[in-house]
Amino acid sequence: MHLIGRVLHDVFLYTSTDSAGKPNYILDYDPRPSEAPSLMTMLKRYILRSKVKLRDVSEEYDIWAAWGNPAILDPARRWTWSHSGVVQPSWETNEWPWGNDDNLVLDRRAPGMGKRFLVKKGARPQEVSDHDLVTSDAYTLHRILSGVPEGQEDLPAVHAFPLESNIDIMGGVDFRKGCYVGQELTVRTFHTGSVRKRILPVLIHELGAVHPTIDPLPEAPSYPSNLSILPTRIRDREEGHPTPRPRGTGKLLTSYQGVGLALLRLEQVEAAERGELSMRINVESGAGKGVWEVQHWWPDWWPVRPDSGDASHS
């Protein structure tokens, strides 16, 4: 994280063992250029006199993901809410929930995400024998439908806050750990602040269209990321009592086949659920040119907040 508590890189950490039997760690992250320094540059600052060596192994490994295998069980979660809206998961298992095998991480960001693993460059994993081989777009669609943000498009460096980006819910924030860069603002929000935004999956469709079920639309045009989502009031909360104009906007992040992830203000989400607001994007060019309606939904695994007070929810 950045000093001001914003995300710089979201990282998967794998254990590994070299040919001499020595333990290593491999970091998997989105290397595309951003406003943040490269991860390698950042890590080098902290080596000092430690006996640690860093090297780029991007040309040695491919990153794969596998999901849909019933043998990969998702242990039951319990949810602990704070007054600020921060949510912390705990897994009802005696084992490390992210897995203990080298070069593999059980993806616990959301139920059904499966596993993520490293394979030597150009090789095919054994999972190909009993899984359908699909494109990276299918993985993108899978995590959108699961409500899982990832990479620079969803977690823009030096802009995304971890708690607004659901990193707490996905098990990526530890509020009991000692000092770390960006801790002060994060912990202050946990104890005395309020989470006012969340990343939620959305369906993008024509204005006024009714979609009783949430399904990808293969014929949908592509939409640019980082589009502003504009709230439009369609009904006052109380008849005869005008409601103030909505404040702020949301942001469309990753999208594919008419579904996407969006950073939304929770007050506007609640107003939309009451039928008071419609959320829209304005695409100014390309195949998707025009005004489109944005309809959010809550993933079926999303924790339900207790009525009052701090509590745990299964």
Protein backbone atom coordinates (compact mmCIF):
# COMPACT_ATOMS: atom_id res chain seq x y z
CA MET A 1 0.00 0.00 0.00
CA HIS A 2 0.87 3.65 -0.35
CA LEU A 3 1.62 5.89 2.63
CA ILE A 4 -1.87 7.36 2.35
CA GLY A 5 -3.50 3.93 2.51
CA ARG A 6 -4.16 3.33 -1.19
CA VAL A 7 -3.40 0.16 -3.10
CA LEU A 8 -0.15 -0.03 -5.09
CA HIS A 9 -0.22 -3.70 -6.17
CA ASP A 10 -2.48 -6.65 -5.45
CA VAL A 11 -0.27 -9.72 -5.13
CA PHE A 12 -0.56 -13.50 -4.87
CA LEU A 13 2.31 -15.10 -2.95
CA TYR A 14 3.37 -18.68 -3.68
CA THR A 15 5.83 -20.83 -1.81
CA SER A 16 8.37 -22.65 -3.95
CA THR A 17 11.41 -24.90 -3.50
CA ASP A 18 14.50 -24.72 -5.68
CA SER A 19 16.59 -27.64 -6.96
CA ALA A 20 18.79 -27.45 -3.85
CA GLY A 21 15.76 -27.79 -1.57
CA LYS A 22 15.85 -24.16 -0.44
CA PRO A 23 12.55 -22.33 0.08
CA ASN A 24 11.65 -19.45 -2.23
CA TYR A 25 8.68 -17.17 -2.69
CA ILE A 26 7.15 -16.17 -6.00
CA LEU A 27 4.98 -13.05 -6.35
CA ASP A 28 2.26 -12.90 -9.01
CA TYR A 29 0.93 -9.42 -9.84
CA ASP A 30 -0.26 -7.22 -12.71
CA PRO A 31 2.98 -5.78 -14.19
CA ARG A 32 1.36 -3.24 -16.50
CA PRO A 33 2.75 0.30 -16.07
CA SER A 34 0.87 2.46 -13.57
CA GLU A 35 1.39 5.45 -11.32
CA ALA A 36 3.05 3.13 -8.78
CA PRO A 37 6.71 2.11 -8.91
CA SER A 38 7.27 -1.42 -10.21
CA LEU A 39 7.02 -4.08 -7.53
CA MET A 40 10.67 -5.05 -8.05
CA THR A 41 11.77 -1.44 -7.45
CA MET A 42 9.66 -1.20 -4.29
CA LEU A 43 10.94 -4.47 -2.81
CA LYS A 44 14.57 -3.54 -3.39
CA ARG A 45 14.12 -0.57 -1.06
CA TYR A 46 13.48 -2.89 1.86
CA ILE A 47 16.26 -5.43 1.41
CA LEU A 48 18.92 -3.29 3.11
CA ARG A 49 21.43 -5.81 4.56
CA SER A 50 19.10 -8.78 4.52
CA LYS A 51 20.32 -11.90 2.74
CA VAL A 52 17.59 -11.75 0.13
CA LYS A 53 17.93 -11.98 -3.65
CA LEU A 54 15.30 -10.83 -6.12
CA ARG A 55 14.94 -11.80 -9.76
CA ASP A 56 12.29 -11.64 -12.44
CA VAL A 57 10.93 -15.12 -13.30
CA SER A 58 8.23 -13.96 -15.73
CA GLU A 59 9.87 -15.90 -18.57
CA GLU A 60 10.00 -19.09 -16.50
CA TYR A 61 6.35 -19.54 -15.47
CA ASP A 62 2.82 -19.21 -16.82
CA ILE A 63 -0.10 -18.41 -14.50
CA TRP A 64 -3.13 -20.71 -14.73
CA ALA A 65 -6.47 -20.80 -12.95
CA ALA A 66 -8.86 -23.75 -12.56
CA TRP A 67 -12.40 -23.69 -11.18
CA GLY A 68 -15.55 -25.80 -11.18
CA ASN A 69 -13.92 -28.85 -9.61
CA PRO A 70 -16.10 -30.10 -6.70
CA ALA A 71 -12.96 -31.57 -5.10
CA ILE A 72 -11.81 -28.02 -4.28
CA LEU A 73 -13.97 -27.40 -1.25
CA ASP A 74 -14.65 -23.91 0.06
CA PRO A 75 -14.55 -24.08 3.86
CA ALA A 76 -17.41 -22.33 5.64
CA ARG A 77 -16.79 -18.68 6.44
CA ARG A 78 -17.87 -16.60 9.38
CA TRP A 79 -18.13 -12.85 8.94
CA THR A 80 -17.29 -10.23 11.53
CA TRP A 81 -18.68 -6.76 10.90
CA SER A 82 -17.49 -3.50 12.41
CA HIS A 83 -19.61 -0.38 12.88
CA SER A 84 -17.69 1.18 9.98
CA GLY A 85 -18.94 -1.45 7.51
CA VAL A 86 -15.62 -3.30 7.33
CA VAL A 87 -16.08 -7.08 7.06
CA GLN A 88 -13.53 -9.70 8.11
CA PRO A 89 -13.82 -13.37 7.10
CA SER A 90 -12.63 -16.31 9.17
CA TRP A 91 -12.59 -19.85 7.82
CA GLU A 92 -13.90 -22.78 9.83
CA THR A 93 -10.92 -25.03 9.19
CA ASN A 94 -7.78 -26.02 11.06
CA GLU A 95 -5.72 -25.76 7.88
CA TRP A 96 -4.34 -22.68 6.17
CA PRO A 97 -7.30 -21.79 3.90
CA TRP A 98 -5.10 -20.62 1.00
CA GLY A 99 -3.34 -24.00 0.71
CA ASN A 100 0.11 -25.33 1.58
CA ASP A 101 1.35 -26.71 -1.75
CA ASP A 102 4.23 -25.11 -3.65
CA ASN A 103 3.37 -22.98 -6.68
CA LEU A 104 -0.35 -23.09 -5.88
CA VAL A 105 -2.86 -20.86 -4.10
CA LEU A 106 -6.43 -21.87 -3.26
CA ASP A 107 -8.32 -18.76 -4.31
CA ARG A 108 -10.47 -17.84 -1.31
CA ARG A 109 -11.38 -14.34 -2.50
CA ALA A 110 -14.87 -15.69 -3.18
CA PRO A 111 -16.49 -19.14 -3.13
CA GLY A 112 -16.07 -21.00 -6.40
CA MET A 113 -12.93 -19.17 -7.56
CA GLY A 114 -11.03 -22.47 -7.54
CA LYS A 115 -7.26 -22.33 -7.53
CA ARG A 116 -4.43 -20.36 -9.12
CA PHE A 117 -1.09 -21.98 -9.88
CA LEU A 118 2.23 -21.68 -11.67
CA VAL A 119 3.38 -23.95 -14.51
CA LYS A 120 6.73 -23.96 -16.28
CA LYS A 121 6.65 -21.74 -19.36
CA GLY A 122 5.00 -23.44 -22.32
CA ALA A 123 3.93 -26.55 -20.39
CA ARG A 124 0.34 -27.63 -19.81
CA PRO A 125 -0.91 -28.53 -16.34
CA GLN A 126 -2.45 -31.91 -15.57
CA GLU A 127 -5.79 -30.15 -14.95
CA VAL A 128 -6.21 -29.89 -18.73
CA SER A 129 -7.16 -33.59 -18.76
CA ASP A 130 -10.35 -33.12 -16.71
CA HIS A 131 -11.21 -29.43 -17.25
CA ASP A 132 -12.39 -27.53 -20.31
CA LEU A 133 -9.60 -25.36 -21.71
CA VAL A 134 -10.90 -21.79 -22.06
CA THR A 135 -9.49 -18.35 -22.78
CA SER A 136 -8.45 -15.67 -20.31
CA ASP A 137 -11.70 -13.87 -21.20
CA ALA A 138 -13.62 -16.77 -19.64
CA TYR A 139 -11.64 -16.27 -16.43
CA THR A 140 -12.43 -12.55 -16.53
CA LEU A 141 -16.13 -13.34 -16.93
CA HIS A 142 -15.96 -15.87 -14.08
CA ARG A 143 -14.49 -13.39 -11.61
CA ILE A 144 -16.87 -10.60 -12.72
CA LEU A 145 -19.87 -12.84 -12.02
CA SER A 146 -18.26 -13.75 -8.67
CA GLY A 147 -17.71 -10.06 -7.82
CA VAL A 148 -13.90 -10.34 -7.60
CA PRO A 149 -11.78 -7.30 -8.60
CA GLU A 150 -8.21 -7.88 -9.77
CA GLY A 151 -5.38 -5.99 -11.45
CA GLN A 152 -4.83 -2.42 -12.59
CA GLU A 153 -8.25 -1.93 -14.19
CA ASP A 154 -10.16 -2.81 -11.02
CA LEU A 155 -7.60 -1.67 -8.42
CA PRO A 156 -5.90 1.33 -10.05
CA ALA A 157 -2.59 2.02 -8.31
CA VAL A 158 -2.50 5.02 -5.95
CA HIS A 159 -6.27 5.48 -6.37
CA ALA A 160 -8.01 2.39 -4.96
CA PHE A 161 -8.67 2.10 -1.23
CA PRO A 162 -8.47 -1.51 0.02
CA LEU A 163 -11.70 -1.38 2.03
CA GLU A 164 -13.75 0.15 -0.80
CA SER A 165 -12.25 -2.46 -3.13
CA ASN A 166 -13.53 -5.42 -1.02
CA ILE A 167 -10.03 -6.51 -0.07
CA ASP A 168 -11.22 -6.84 3.55
CA ILE A 169 -14.06 -9.18 2.50
CA MET A 170 -11.66 -11.21 0.33
CA GLY A 171 -9.36 -11.80 3.31
CA GLY A 172 -6.56 -9.47 2.23
CA VAL A 173 -6.46 -7.05 5.20
CA ASP A 174 -5.23 -8.00 8.67
CA PHE A 175 -6.32 -5.57 11.38
CA ARG A 176 -4.28 -7.35 14.05
CA LYS A 177 -0.93 -7.16 12.27
CA GLY A 178 1.77 -4.75 13.47
CA CYS A 179 2.87 -1.64 11.62
CA TYR A 180 2.88 -1.63 7.82
CA VAL A 181 2.86 1.08 5.17
CA GLY A 182 -0.63 2.55 4.84
CA GLN A 183 -1.86 1.04 8.11
CA GLU A 184 -2.83 4.29 9.82
CA LEU A 185 -5.66 5.32 7.49
CA THR A 186 -6.86 1.74 7.03
CA VAL A 187 -7.13 1.06 10.76
CA ARG A 188 -8.64 4.48 11.43
CA THR A 189 -11.40 3.74 8.93
CA PHE A 190 -11.97 0.38 10.62
CA HIS A 191 -12.38 1.91 14.10
CA THR A 192 -13.87 5.37 13.54
CA GLY A 193 -14.67 5.81 9.84
CA SER A 194 -17.21 4.44 7.40
CA VAL A 195 -16.95 2.43 4.19
CA ARG A 196 -19.00 4.47 1.72
CA LYS A 197 -18.20 2.63 -1.52
CA ARG A 198 -17.91 -0.97 -2.67
CA ILE A 199 -17.03 -2.77 -5.89
CA LEU A 200 -20.09 -4.67 -7.12
CA PRO A 201 -20.91 -6.62 -10.29
CA VAL A 202 -23.21 -4.83 -12.72
CA LEU A 203 -25.27 -5.57 -15.80
CA ILE A 204 -25.07 -2.96 -18.59
CA HIS A 205 -28.13 -2.76 -20.83
CA GLU A 206 -30.36 -0.46 -22.84
CA LEU A 207 -32.32 2.18 -20.97
CA GLY A 208 -35.61 0.84 -19.61
CA ALA A 209 -34.89 -2.79 -20.53
CA VAL A 210 -36.00 -5.34 -17.94
CA HIS A 211 -33.64 -8.20 -17.07
CA PRO A 212 -35.18 -10.44 -14.38
CA THR A 213 -32.06 -12.65 -14.43
CA ILE A 214 -28.41 -11.68 -14.55
CA ASP A 215 -26.79 -13.26 -17.59
CA PRO A 216 -23.87 -12.24 -19.80
CA LEU A 217 -24.87 -10.75 -23.15
CA PRO A 218 -22.44 -12.12 -25.79
CA GLU A 219 -23.72 -9.62 -28.35
CA ALA A 220 -23.06 -6.62 -26.07
CA PRO A 221 -20.53 -4.04 -27.28
CA SER A 222 -17.33 -3.41 -25.36
CA TYR A 223 -17.21 -0.47 -22.97
CA PRO A 224 -14.11 1.49 -21.97
CA SER A 225 -12.97 1.17 -18.36
CA ASN A 226 -12.93 4.07 -15.91
CA LEU A 227 -16.20 5.49 -17.25
CA SER A 228 -18.17 7.64 -14.82
CA ILE A 229 -21.45 6.11 -13.68
CA LEU A 230 -23.96 8.93 -13.33
CA PRO A 231 -26.87 8.66 -10.88
CA THR A 232 -30.18 9.93 -12.28
CA ARG A 233 -33.09 10.51 -9.94
CA ILE A 234 -36.30 8.91 -11.21
CA ARG A 235 -38.52 9.28 -8.13
CA ASP A 236 -38.47 11.33 -4.93
CA ARG A 237 -38.24 9.37 -1.72
CA GLU A 238 -41.45 10.91 -0.41
CA GLU A 239 -44.26 12.29 -2.53
CA GLY A 240 -44.18 16.08 -2.49
CA HIS A 241 -40.78 16.24 -0.74
CA PRO A 242 -38.04 16.76 -3.35
CA THR A 243 -34.86 14.84 -2.59
CA PRO A 244 -31.47 16.54 -3.01
CA ARG A 245 -29.52 15.80 -6.18
CA PRO A 246 -27.29 12.71 -5.79
CA ARG A 247 -23.66 13.47 -4.92
CA GLY A 248 -20.69 12.00 -6.72
CA THR A 249 -20.42 9.30 -9.34
CA GLY A 250 -19.39 5.68 -9.60
CA LYS A 251 -16.76 4.15 -11.89
CA LEU A 252 -17.08 1.32 -14.39
CA LEU A 253 -14.01 -0.91 -14.11
CA THR A 254 -13.57 -4.21 -16.01
CA SER A 255 -16.45 -5.26 -18.28
CA TYR A 256 -17.08 -8.10 -20.71
CA GLN A 257 -20.20 -9.38 -22.50
CA GLY A 258 -22.44 -6.76 -20.93
CA VAL A 259 -21.45 -7.43 -17.32
CA GLY A 260 -18.75 -5.73 -15.32
CA LEU A 261 -17.43 -4.55 -12.02
CA ALA A 262 -18.10 -1.04 -10.78
CA LEU A 263 -17.06 1.08 -7.83
CA LEU A 264 -20.38 2.42 -6.48
CA ARG A 265 -21.41 4.74 -3.69
CA LEU A 266 -23.47 2.70 -1.22
CA GLU A 267 -25.97 5.49 -0.66
CA GLN A 268 -26.74 5.41 -4.40
CA VAL A 269 -26.95 1.61 -4.40
CA GLU A 270 -29.56 1.82 -1.63
CA ALA A 271 -31.49 4.52 -3.50
CA ALA A 272 -31.48 2.40 -6.67
CA GLU A 273 -32.84 -0.55 -4.69
CA ARG A 274 -35.69 1.69 -3.46
CA GLY A 275 -36.48 2.62 -7.07
CA GLU A 276 -35.40 6.24 -6.63
CA LEU A 277 -32.27 6.25 -8.80
CA SER A 278 -31.13 4.91 -12.12
CA MET A 279 -27.39 4.61 -12.78
CA ARG A 280 -26.09 5.24 -16.29
CA ILE A 281 -22.96 5.52 -18.39
CA ASN A 282 -22.44 7.70 -21.46
CA VAL A 283 -20.19 6.13 -24.09
CA GLU A 284 -19.06 8.83 -26.48
CA SER A 285 -17.58 6.73 -29.28
CA GLY A 286 -17.17 3.22 -30.66
CA ALA A 287 -19.65 0.38 -31.11
CA GLY A 288 -21.17 1.06 -27.69
CA LYS A 289 -21.80 4.75 -28.32
CA GLY A 290 -24.84 6.00 -26.41
CA VAL A 291 -26.34 6.06 -22.93
CA TRP A 292 -26.63 2.74 -21.12
CA GLU A 293 -28.25 1.73 -17.86
CA VAL A 294 -26.12 0.10 -15.15
CA GLN A 295 -27.89 -2.40 -12.88
CA HIS A 296 -25.96 -3.66 -9.85
CA TRP A 297 -26.42 -6.92 -8.00
CA TRP A 298 -25.01 -8.53 -4.86
CA PRO A 299 -23.12 -11.81 -5.35
CA ASP A 300 -24.94 -14.71 -3.69
CA TRP A 301 -21.96 -15.29 -1.35
CA TRP A 302 -21.90 -11.68 -0.12
CA PRO A 303 -22.16 -11.44 3.69
CA VAL A 304 -25.45 -10.17 5.14
CA ARG A 305 -25.03 -7.43 7.70
CA PRO A 306 -26.62 -8.03 11.12
CA ASP A 307 -29.37 -5.61 12.10
CA SER A 308 -27.27 -3.76 14.66
CA GLY A 309 -23.98 -3.81 16.52
CA ASP A 310 -20.83 -5.78 15.82
CA ALA A 311 -21.60 -9.42 15.19
CA SER A 312 -20.54 -12.52 13.34
CA HIS A 313 -22.61 -13.89 10.50
CA SER A 314 -22.22 -17.34 8.93
